[in-house]
N, C-alpha and C. Protein backbone atom coordinates (compact mmCIF):
# COMPACT_ATOMS: atom_id res chain seq x y z
N MET A 1 18.23 18.72 14.12
CA MET A 1 16.94 18.48 13.92
C MET A 1 16.39 17.48 14.83
N GLY A 2 16.91 16.39 14.63
CA GLY A 2 16.18 15.33 15.72
C GLY A 2 15.14 14.49 14.97
N ILE A 3 14.81 13.31 15.40
CA ILE A 3 13.69 12.60 14.87
C ILE A 3 11.96 12.90 15.69
N PRO A 4 11.24 13.19 14.77
CA PRO A 4 9.92 13.45 15.50
C PRO A 4 9.36 12.29 15.88
N GLU A 5 8.64 12.55 17.10
CA GLU A 5 8.02 11.32 17.81
C GLU A 5 6.62 11.31 17.44
N PRO A 6 6.17 10.16 17.11
CA PRO A 6 4.79 9.83 16.67
C PRO A 6 3.83 10.19 17.96
N ASP A 7 2.67 10.50 17.81
CA ASP A 7 1.75 10.85 18.81
C ASP A 7 1.43 9.48 19.74
N PRO A 8 1.70 9.27 20.78
CA PRO A 8 1.54 7.82 21.33
C PRO A 8 -0.11 7.52 21.73
N SER A 9 -0.87 8.82 21.60
CA SER A 9 -2.42 8.59 21.81
C SER A 9 -3.16 8.17 20.90
N TYR A 10 -2.67 8.41 19.60
CA TYR A 10 -3.31 7.85 18.29
C TYR A 10 -3.14 6.40 18.25
N LEU A 11 -4.25 5.65 18.33
CA LEU A 11 -4.07 4.24 17.97
C LEU A 11 -3.24 3.73 18.96
N PRO A 12 -3.26 3.62 20.27
CA PRO A 12 -2.30 3.01 21.12
C PRO A 12 -1.86 1.67 21.08
N GLY A 13 -0.69 1.11 21.23
CA GLY A 13 -0.35 -0.22 21.24
C GLY A 13 -0.16 -0.77 19.85
N LEU A 14 -0.38 0.40 18.66
CA LEU A 14 0.09 -0.20 17.41
C LEU A 14 1.27 0.13 17.09
N PRO A 15 2.08 -0.39 16.09
CA PRO A 15 3.61 -0.38 16.07
C PRO A 15 3.50 1.22 15.09
N ARG A 16 4.69 1.90 15.31
CA ARG A 16 4.86 3.31 14.73
C ARG A 16 5.86 2.99 13.74
N TYR A 17 5.63 3.61 12.53
CA TYR A 17 6.70 3.95 11.57
C TYR A 17 6.59 5.32 11.19
N LEU A 18 8.00 5.72 10.73
CA LEU A 18 8.27 7.00 10.11
C LEU A 18 8.86 6.68 8.81
N SER A 19 8.49 7.71 8.20
CA SER A 19 9.15 7.70 6.62
C SER A 19 9.87 9.18 6.52
N PHE A 20 10.87 9.23 5.67
CA PHE A 20 11.95 10.43 5.45
C PHE A 20 11.81 10.19 3.73
N VAL A 21 11.37 11.32 3.31
CA VAL A 21 11.33 11.24 1.74
C VAL A 21 12.07 12.68 1.22
N ASP A 22 12.55 12.56 0.04
CA ASP A 22 13.09 13.79 -0.80
C ASP A 22 12.65 13.62 -2.20
N GLU A 23 12.58 14.71 -2.79
CA GLU A 23 12.27 14.73 -4.16
C GLU A 23 13.69 14.93 -4.97
N SER A 24 13.69 14.32 -6.18
CA SER A 24 14.86 14.19 -6.84
C SER A 24 14.83 15.30 -7.81
N GLY A 25 16.47 15.87 -8.02
CA GLY A 25 16.38 16.93 -9.09
C GLY A 25 15.94 18.25 -8.28
N HIS A 26 15.50 19.43 -9.25
CA HIS A 26 15.12 20.69 -8.74
C HIS A 26 13.69 21.07 -9.18
N SER A 27 12.70 21.26 -8.10
CA SER A 27 11.54 21.62 -8.65
C SER A 27 11.20 22.59 -9.62
N ALA A 28 12.36 23.46 -9.66
CA ALA A 28 12.14 24.61 -10.82
C ALA A 28 12.74 24.56 -11.84
N ASP A 29 13.53 23.23 -12.25
CA ASP A 29 13.95 22.90 -13.53
C ASP A 29 12.80 22.61 -14.51
N PRO A 30 12.82 23.48 -15.50
CA PRO A 30 11.85 23.43 -16.56
C PRO A 30 12.09 22.38 -17.68
N ASN A 31 13.34 21.64 -17.54
CA ASN A 31 13.47 20.54 -18.46
C ASN A 31 13.53 19.10 -18.11
N ARG A 32 13.14 18.98 -16.71
CA ARG A 32 12.95 17.69 -16.15
C ARG A 32 11.42 17.14 -16.86
N ASN A 33 11.62 15.76 -16.94
CA ASN A 33 10.30 14.94 -17.47
C ASN A 33 9.84 14.13 -16.37
N THR A 34 10.45 14.12 -15.38
CA THR A 34 9.80 13.16 -14.55
C THR A 34 9.51 13.81 -12.98
N LEU A 35 8.88 13.58 -12.07
CA LEU A 35 8.85 14.20 -10.65
C LEU A 35 9.19 12.60 -9.87
N CYS A 36 10.09 12.70 -8.98
CA CYS A 36 10.36 11.52 -8.54
C CYS A 36 10.51 11.89 -6.98
N LEU A 37 9.99 11.10 -6.17
CA LEU A 37 9.91 11.19 -4.73
C LEU A 37 10.46 9.89 -3.96
N GLY A 38 11.49 9.83 -3.31
CA GLY A 38 11.86 8.49 -2.90
C GLY A 38 12.31 8.75 -1.46
N GLY A 39 12.47 7.58 -0.78
CA GLY A 39 12.80 7.77 0.76
C GLY A 39 12.65 6.40 1.52
N LEU A 40 12.93 6.22 2.90
CA LEU A 40 12.87 5.31 3.56
C LEU A 40 11.83 5.10 4.68
N ILE A 41 11.12 3.86 5.07
CA ILE A 41 10.42 3.81 5.92
C ILE A 41 10.97 2.80 6.95
N ALA A 42 10.88 3.11 8.18
CA ALA A 42 11.35 2.28 9.23
C ALA A 42 10.43 2.27 10.58
N ALA A 43 10.72 1.43 11.45
CA ALA A 43 9.97 1.66 12.79
C ALA A 43 10.46 3.07 13.58
N ALA A 44 9.59 3.65 14.27
CA ALA A 44 9.78 4.98 14.87
C ALA A 44 11.20 4.81 15.63
N ASP A 45 11.33 3.56 16.45
CA ASP A 45 12.57 3.37 17.45
C ASP A 45 13.79 3.32 16.56
N ALA A 46 14.01 2.74 15.40
CA ALA A 46 15.04 2.50 14.45
C ALA A 46 15.70 4.01 14.10
N TRP A 47 14.70 4.79 13.81
CA TRP A 47 15.31 5.97 13.47
C TRP A 47 16.24 6.57 14.35
N LYS A 48 15.84 6.54 15.59
CA LYS A 48 16.90 7.17 16.76
C LYS A 48 18.15 6.69 16.45
N VAL A 49 18.27 5.26 16.40
CA VAL A 49 19.68 4.78 16.29
C VAL A 49 20.31 5.06 14.73
N PHE A 50 19.33 5.09 13.93
CA PHE A 50 19.99 5.40 12.56
C PHE A 50 20.38 6.78 12.64
N ASP A 51 19.58 7.75 13.19
CA ASP A 51 20.22 9.01 13.29
C ASP A 51 21.46 9.19 13.88
N THR A 52 21.64 8.59 14.84
CA THR A 52 22.89 8.48 15.67
C THR A 52 24.08 7.72 14.76
N ASP A 53 23.84 6.65 14.23
CA ASP A 53 24.83 5.99 13.03
C ASP A 53 25.34 7.27 11.85
N TRP A 54 24.08 7.51 11.39
CA TRP A 54 24.47 8.59 10.22
C TRP A 54 25.17 9.66 10.58
N ARG A 55 24.92 10.33 11.59
CA ARG A 55 25.79 11.57 12.14
C ARG A 55 27.10 11.12 12.41
N SER A 56 27.21 9.97 12.98
CA SER A 56 28.67 9.67 13.52
C SER A 56 29.48 9.22 11.95
N ALA A 57 28.89 8.52 10.97
CA ALA A 57 29.58 8.20 10.00
C ALA A 57 30.05 9.39 9.17
N CYS A 58 29.13 10.65 9.05
CA CYS A 58 29.39 11.96 8.55
C CYS A 58 30.58 12.46 9.28
N GLU A 59 30.51 12.33 10.62
CA GLU A 59 31.42 13.24 11.36
C GLU A 59 32.87 12.45 11.29
N GLN A 60 32.68 11.10 11.25
CA GLN A 60 34.08 10.21 11.06
C GLN A 60 34.73 10.79 9.83
N GLU A 61 34.04 10.97 8.72
CA GLU A 61 34.72 11.31 7.42
C GLU A 61 34.70 12.87 7.14
N GLY A 62 34.51 13.55 8.19
CA GLY A 62 34.92 14.86 8.06
C GLY A 62 33.93 15.79 7.48
N LEU A 63 32.81 15.37 7.46
CA LEU A 63 31.59 16.08 6.74
C LEU A 63 31.15 17.30 7.68
N THR A 64 31.02 18.51 6.96
CA THR A 64 30.81 19.91 7.91
C THR A 64 29.73 20.19 7.49
N GLU A 65 28.89 19.82 6.29
CA GLU A 65 27.69 20.11 6.01
C GLU A 65 26.49 18.83 5.74
N PRO A 66 25.14 19.03 5.84
CA PRO A 66 24.43 18.03 5.58
C PRO A 66 24.81 17.11 4.36
N PHE A 67 24.37 15.75 4.46
CA PHE A 67 24.93 14.92 3.27
C PHE A 67 24.02 15.08 2.00
N HIS A 68 24.51 15.37 0.90
CA HIS A 68 23.87 15.46 -0.45
C HIS A 68 24.50 14.41 -1.35
N MET A 69 23.71 13.38 -1.95
CA MET A 69 24.29 12.34 -2.85
C MET A 69 24.48 12.87 -4.19
N MET A 70 24.01 14.27 -4.57
CA MET A 70 24.35 14.74 -5.78
C MET A 70 25.91 15.49 -5.89
N HIS A 71 26.18 16.00 -4.40
CA HIS A 71 27.39 16.51 -4.34
C HIS A 71 28.56 15.28 -4.34
N LEU A 72 28.21 14.40 -3.67
CA LEU A 72 29.18 13.18 -3.49
C LEU A 72 29.47 12.54 -4.92
N ALA A 73 28.36 12.55 -5.68
CA ALA A 73 28.48 11.63 -7.01
C ALA A 73 29.36 12.72 -7.71
N GLY A 74 29.22 14.08 -7.94
CA GLY A 74 29.69 15.12 -8.65
C GLY A 74 31.03 15.40 -8.05
N PHE A 75 31.57 14.92 -6.77
CA PHE A 75 32.64 15.39 -6.28
C PHE A 75 32.83 16.93 -6.07
N LYS A 76 31.68 17.52 -5.59
CA LYS A 76 31.27 18.92 -5.50
C LYS A 76 31.45 19.25 -3.93
N ARG A 77 31.44 20.60 -3.77
CA ARG A 77 31.40 21.34 -2.33
C ARG A 77 32.32 20.33 -1.40
N GLN A 78 31.78 19.75 -0.12
CA GLN A 78 32.77 19.29 0.57
C GLN A 78 33.17 17.90 0.19
N PHE A 79 33.04 17.48 -0.77
CA PHE A 79 33.51 16.21 -1.51
C PHE A 79 34.63 16.52 -2.54
N LYS A 80 34.91 17.73 -2.94
CA LYS A 80 35.98 18.19 -3.81
C LYS A 80 37.15 17.58 -3.53
N GLY A 81 37.75 16.89 -4.09
CA GLY A 81 39.14 16.36 -3.80
C GLY A 81 39.15 15.09 -3.43
N TRP A 82 37.81 14.39 -3.07
CA TRP A 82 37.87 13.14 -2.51
C TRP A 82 38.44 12.07 -3.34
N THR A 83 38.75 10.93 -2.91
CA THR A 83 39.18 9.75 -3.94
C THR A 83 37.90 8.66 -3.85
N ASP A 84 37.73 8.01 -4.85
CA ASP A 84 36.81 6.88 -5.00
C ASP A 84 36.57 5.93 -3.75
N GLU A 85 38.19 5.63 -3.09
CA GLU A 85 37.98 5.05 -2.05
C GLU A 85 37.49 5.52 -0.82
N ARG A 86 37.96 6.95 -0.70
CA ARG A 86 37.14 7.37 0.63
C ARG A 86 35.48 7.71 0.39
N ARG A 87 35.05 7.88 -0.94
CA ARG A 87 33.68 7.97 -1.03
C ARG A 87 33.06 6.50 -0.97
N ARG A 88 33.38 5.38 -1.41
CA ARG A 88 33.14 4.16 -0.86
C ARG A 88 33.22 3.93 0.64
N THR A 89 33.90 4.30 1.30
CA THR A 89 34.01 4.14 2.64
C THR A 89 33.04 4.84 3.41
N LEU A 90 32.74 6.05 3.16
CA LEU A 90 31.29 6.84 3.35
C LEU A 90 30.08 6.00 3.23
N LEU A 91 30.06 5.77 1.87
CA LEU A 91 29.00 5.41 1.40
C LEU A 91 28.62 3.93 2.22
N ALA A 92 29.56 3.19 2.36
CA ALA A 92 29.57 1.84 3.23
C ALA A 92 28.86 1.97 4.55
N LYS A 93 29.45 3.09 5.24
CA LYS A 93 29.07 3.34 6.69
C LYS A 93 27.59 3.91 6.42
N LEU A 94 27.19 4.88 5.49
CA LEU A 94 25.88 5.28 5.54
C LEU A 94 24.86 3.89 5.24
N ILE A 95 25.20 3.14 4.15
CA ILE A 95 24.51 2.07 3.66
C ILE A 95 24.21 1.23 5.09
N GLY A 96 25.32 1.15 5.75
CA GLY A 96 25.34 0.23 7.20
C GLY A 96 24.20 0.69 8.05
N ALA A 97 24.23 2.08 8.00
CA ALA A 97 22.95 2.67 9.11
C ALA A 97 21.61 2.33 8.50
N ILE A 98 21.37 2.30 7.13
CA ILE A 98 20.10 2.14 6.77
C ILE A 98 19.98 0.80 7.16
N THR A 99 20.87 -0.31 6.80
CA THR A 99 20.57 -1.72 7.04
C THR A 99 20.13 -1.96 8.24
N LYS A 100 21.08 -1.36 9.32
CA LYS A 100 20.84 -1.61 10.53
C LYS A 100 19.68 -1.28 11.10
N ALA A 101 19.00 -0.18 10.50
CA ALA A 101 17.33 0.52 10.93
C ALA A 101 16.66 -0.44 10.30
N GLN A 102 16.90 -1.51 9.28
CA GLN A 102 16.12 -2.32 8.57
C GLN A 102 15.01 -1.34 7.87
N ALA A 103 15.54 -0.23 7.34
CA ALA A 103 14.63 0.52 6.58
C ALA A 103 14.24 0.01 5.15
N THR A 104 13.02 0.21 4.83
CA THR A 104 12.56 -0.30 3.61
C THR A 104 12.42 1.07 2.55
N PRO A 105 13.09 0.81 1.28
CA PRO A 105 13.00 2.06 0.26
C PRO A 105 11.53 2.14 -0.10
N ILE A 106 11.06 3.38 -0.38
CA ILE A 106 9.86 3.56 -1.02
C ILE A 106 9.92 4.52 -2.05
N GLY A 107 9.04 4.77 -2.96
CA GLY A 107 9.27 5.88 -3.87
C GLY A 107 8.12 5.97 -4.92
N SER A 108 7.99 6.94 -5.72
CA SER A 108 6.94 7.17 -6.53
C SER A 108 7.36 8.05 -7.53
N VAL A 109 6.99 7.82 -8.96
CA VAL A 109 7.53 8.63 -9.92
C VAL A 109 6.34 9.07 -10.79
N VAL A 110 6.16 10.36 -11.56
CA VAL A 110 5.08 10.74 -12.05
C VAL A 110 5.75 11.30 -13.54
N ILE A 111 5.25 11.05 -14.55
CA ILE A 111 5.96 11.34 -15.78
C ILE A 111 5.25 12.60 -16.10
N LEU A 112 6.16 13.55 -16.29
CA LEU A 112 5.40 14.99 -16.49
C LEU A 112 5.26 15.31 -18.15
N ARG A 113 6.12 14.82 -18.77
CA ARG A 113 5.95 15.10 -20.46
C ARG A 113 6.24 13.79 -21.15
N GLY A 114 5.89 13.96 -22.30
CA GLY A 114 6.11 12.74 -23.67
C GLY A 114 4.86 11.84 -23.64
N PRO A 115 5.03 11.11 -24.11
CA PRO A 115 3.60 9.92 -24.56
C PRO A 115 3.08 9.82 -23.40
N GLU A 116 3.84 9.39 -22.29
CA GLU A 116 3.20 8.73 -21.13
C GLU A 116 2.86 9.97 -20.19
N GLY A 117 3.03 11.23 -20.46
CA GLY A 117 2.84 12.28 -19.47
C GLY A 117 1.45 12.56 -19.14
N LEU A 118 1.32 13.44 -18.26
CA LEU A 118 0.04 13.79 -17.62
C LEU A 118 -0.65 14.67 -18.78
N SER A 119 -1.83 14.42 -19.02
CA SER A 119 -2.60 15.12 -19.75
C SER A 119 -3.00 16.57 -19.39
N GLU A 120 -3.16 17.39 -19.87
CA GLU A 120 -3.37 18.89 -19.41
C GLU A 120 -4.65 18.91 -18.16
N SER A 121 -5.86 18.11 -18.98
CA SER A 121 -7.06 18.07 -17.84
C SER A 121 -6.73 17.38 -16.60
N THR A 122 -5.75 16.45 -16.57
CA THR A 122 -5.32 15.82 -15.31
C THR A 122 -4.46 16.65 -14.45
N GLN A 123 -3.89 17.40 -15.24
CA GLN A 123 -2.93 18.51 -14.67
C GLN A 123 -3.69 19.48 -13.83
N ARG A 124 -4.89 19.85 -14.63
CA ARG A 124 -5.65 20.78 -13.96
C ARG A 124 -6.53 20.47 -12.98
N LEU A 125 -7.08 19.21 -12.98
CA LEU A 125 -7.69 18.39 -11.78
C LEU A 125 -6.93 18.42 -10.65
N TYR A 126 -5.71 17.89 -10.59
CA TYR A 126 -4.80 17.69 -9.59
C TYR A 126 -4.16 18.81 -9.44
N ARG A 127 -4.00 19.93 -10.11
CA ARG A 127 -2.97 21.28 -9.95
C ARG A 127 -1.64 20.99 -9.95
N VAL A 128 -0.95 20.12 -9.21
CA VAL A 128 0.39 19.75 -9.33
C VAL A 128 0.69 18.19 -9.44
N ALA A 129 1.58 18.05 -10.03
CA ALA A 129 2.13 16.46 -10.19
C ALA A 129 2.62 16.15 -8.79
N HIS A 130 3.07 16.86 -7.92
CA HIS A 130 3.28 16.75 -6.45
C HIS A 130 2.15 15.82 -5.83
N PHE A 131 1.02 16.09 -5.98
CA PHE A 131 -0.03 15.46 -5.38
C PHE A 131 -0.38 14.13 -5.69
N LEU A 132 -0.19 13.91 -6.96
CA LEU A 132 -0.34 12.45 -7.42
C LEU A 132 1.01 11.68 -7.14
N ALA A 133 2.17 12.37 -7.13
CA ALA A 133 3.36 11.55 -6.59
C ALA A 133 3.21 11.47 -5.18
N PHE A 134 2.67 12.20 -4.47
CA PHE A 134 2.37 12.03 -2.86
C PHE A 134 1.31 11.00 -2.63
N GLN A 135 0.35 11.07 -3.67
CA GLN A 135 -0.97 9.90 -3.15
C GLN A 135 -0.09 8.43 -3.73
N SER A 136 0.60 8.33 -4.60
CA SER A 136 1.33 7.22 -4.80
C SER A 136 2.29 6.80 -3.85
N LEU A 137 2.96 7.82 -3.19
CA LEU A 137 3.73 7.48 -2.39
C LEU A 137 3.38 7.06 -0.91
N THR A 138 2.17 7.83 -0.64
CA THR A 138 1.36 7.37 0.59
C THR A 138 0.87 5.89 0.43
N TYR A 139 0.46 5.54 -0.81
CA TYR A 139 0.14 4.00 -0.87
C TYR A 139 1.31 3.17 -0.70
N ASN A 140 2.47 3.36 -1.29
CA ASN A 140 3.74 2.81 -1.07
C ASN A 140 4.32 2.57 0.50
N ILE A 141 4.06 3.80 1.26
CA ILE A 141 4.26 3.70 2.65
C ILE A 141 3.52 2.87 3.31
N ALA A 142 2.09 2.93 2.96
CA ALA A 142 1.06 1.94 3.67
C ALA A 142 1.60 0.55 3.28
N THR A 143 1.83 0.30 2.15
CA THR A 143 2.22 -1.12 1.87
C THR A 143 3.34 -1.56 2.41
N ALA A 144 4.42 -0.84 2.54
CA ALA A 144 5.63 -1.07 3.18
C ALA A 144 5.54 -1.49 4.54
N ALA A 145 4.63 -0.68 5.46
CA ALA A 145 4.27 -0.72 6.81
C ALA A 145 3.55 -2.16 6.73
N PHE A 146 2.62 -2.28 6.00
CA PHE A 146 1.77 -3.57 6.22
C PHE A 146 2.68 -4.91 5.77
N MET A 147 3.77 -4.96 5.01
CA MET A 147 4.50 -5.93 4.63
C MET A 147 5.42 -6.22 5.94
N VAL A 148 5.93 -5.36 6.79
CA VAL A 148 6.64 -5.35 7.94
C VAL A 148 5.63 -5.91 9.08
N ASP A 149 4.49 -5.32 9.29
CA ASP A 149 3.77 -5.77 10.36
C ASP A 149 2.19 -5.31 10.05
N PRO A 150 1.55 -6.69 9.74
CA PRO A 150 0.51 -6.65 8.94
C PRO A 150 -0.73 -6.28 9.66
N ILE A 151 -0.60 -5.77 10.91
CA ILE A 151 -1.83 -5.21 11.66
C ILE A 151 -2.00 -3.72 11.75
N GLY A 152 -2.98 -3.13 12.07
CA GLY A 152 -3.13 -1.80 12.27
C GLY A 152 -3.29 -0.91 10.96
N ARG A 153 -3.35 0.22 10.97
CA ARG A 153 -3.65 1.05 9.71
C ARG A 153 -2.50 2.26 9.88
N PRO A 154 -2.31 2.66 8.67
CA PRO A 154 -1.35 3.59 8.66
C PRO A 154 -1.81 5.15 8.99
N ALA A 155 -1.47 5.98 9.55
CA ALA A 155 -1.78 7.32 9.87
C ALA A 155 -0.74 8.15 9.08
N VAL A 156 -1.23 9.16 8.29
CA VAL A 156 -0.30 10.02 7.68
C VAL A 156 -0.25 11.59 8.18
N THR A 157 1.10 11.81 8.71
CA THR A 157 1.12 13.29 8.94
C THR A 157 2.00 14.27 7.70
N ILE A 158 1.38 15.31 7.47
CA ILE A 158 2.11 15.75 6.15
C ILE A 158 2.60 17.03 6.82
N ARG A 159 4.13 17.24 7.01
CA ARG A 159 4.73 18.04 7.52
C ARG A 159 4.96 19.33 6.57
N ASN A 160 5.12 19.19 5.44
CA ASN A 160 5.34 20.31 4.30
C ASN A 160 4.02 20.90 4.12
N GLU A 161 4.18 22.20 4.53
CA GLU A 161 3.01 23.03 4.39
C GLU A 161 2.25 23.37 2.96
N SER A 162 3.37 23.32 1.88
CA SER A 162 2.66 23.52 0.83
C SER A 162 1.95 22.48 0.37
N MET A 163 2.37 21.03 0.34
CA MET A 163 1.68 19.95 0.15
C MET A 163 0.72 19.85 0.98
N ARG A 164 0.51 19.99 2.30
CA ARG A 164 -0.74 20.09 2.90
C ARG A 164 -1.95 21.13 2.38
N LYS A 165 -1.51 22.25 1.91
CA LYS A 165 -2.28 23.23 1.01
C LYS A 165 -2.74 22.61 -0.01
N HIS A 166 -2.11 21.72 -0.99
CA HIS A 166 -2.46 21.11 -2.14
C HIS A 166 -3.52 20.13 -1.81
N VAL A 167 -3.18 19.40 -0.61
CA VAL A 167 -4.12 18.22 -0.34
C VAL A 167 -5.64 18.72 0.01
N ARG A 168 -5.74 19.67 0.87
CA ARG A 168 -6.49 20.41 1.29
C ARG A 168 -7.69 21.05 -0.14
N CYS A 169 -6.96 21.56 -0.95
CA CYS A 169 -7.73 22.13 -2.17
C CYS A 169 -8.23 21.19 -2.92
N VAL A 170 -7.56 20.07 -3.33
CA VAL A 170 -8.04 18.82 -3.99
C VAL A 170 -9.04 18.38 -3.29
N GLU A 171 -9.10 18.09 -1.74
CA GLU A 171 -10.03 17.37 -1.13
C GLU A 171 -11.33 18.38 -1.03
N GLN A 172 -11.10 19.76 -1.08
CA GLN A 172 -12.40 20.53 -1.18
C GLN A 172 -12.84 20.89 -2.47
N GLU A 173 -12.10 20.59 -3.51
CA GLU A 173 -12.43 20.52 -4.77
C GLU A 173 -13.67 19.27 -5.13
N ARG A 174 -13.10 18.06 -4.73
CA ARG A 174 -13.87 16.87 -4.69
C ARG A 174 -15.12 16.90 -3.87
N ALA A 175 -15.04 17.46 -2.97
CA ALA A 175 -16.33 17.77 -2.15
C ALA A 175 -17.54 18.80 -2.77
N CYS A 176 -16.94 19.68 -3.25
CA CYS A 176 -17.81 20.56 -4.13
C CYS A 176 -18.53 19.74 -5.24
N LYS A 177 -17.60 18.94 -6.00
CA LYS A 177 -18.23 18.19 -7.12
C LYS A 177 -19.13 17.16 -6.61
N ARG A 178 -19.15 16.67 -5.51
CA ARG A 178 -19.96 15.61 -5.14
C ARG A 178 -21.38 16.08 -4.65
N ARG A 179 -21.06 17.61 -4.19
CA ARG A 179 -22.31 18.12 -3.79
C ARG A 179 -23.17 18.71 -5.10
N ARG A 180 -22.67 18.75 -6.08
CA ARG A 180 -23.21 19.04 -7.48
C ARG A 180 -24.32 18.38 -7.95
């Protein structure tokens, strides 16, 4: 896949950061009580080195499929039959790649059910919990980038088309309410 290149014409001269984020669990699981997004943010150039180091670690340990922590933790798929020592060796290499990239962890959690869960009216207003989680995550990305280099302003590019649609829907809904 490779690492995407930030647009150099946008705010030239300012540092460039990229973040990579994933959702925990499975979005179709009807029993989950939380929506968790987690990932890392680092300087754009650091990701190129990270990508090489990560792929090298996976290749050295004989991985033939993309790495998934849930499979490693459960000794499933390509990790079936692995020893704890082999798992620790792989994790040490992967954590080494993260540390070398000076990546900062970022995350967001939205409680879906229970006493602290989203009310029905909030869920209707924002349509999906993903939008709320993404808003919080975007704030965390901006904060992490500011902690590393306190100049400049963050620019967010949404690569996920379904999230882009939700953002547009909510923005249009808010604009209509302001005009009323």
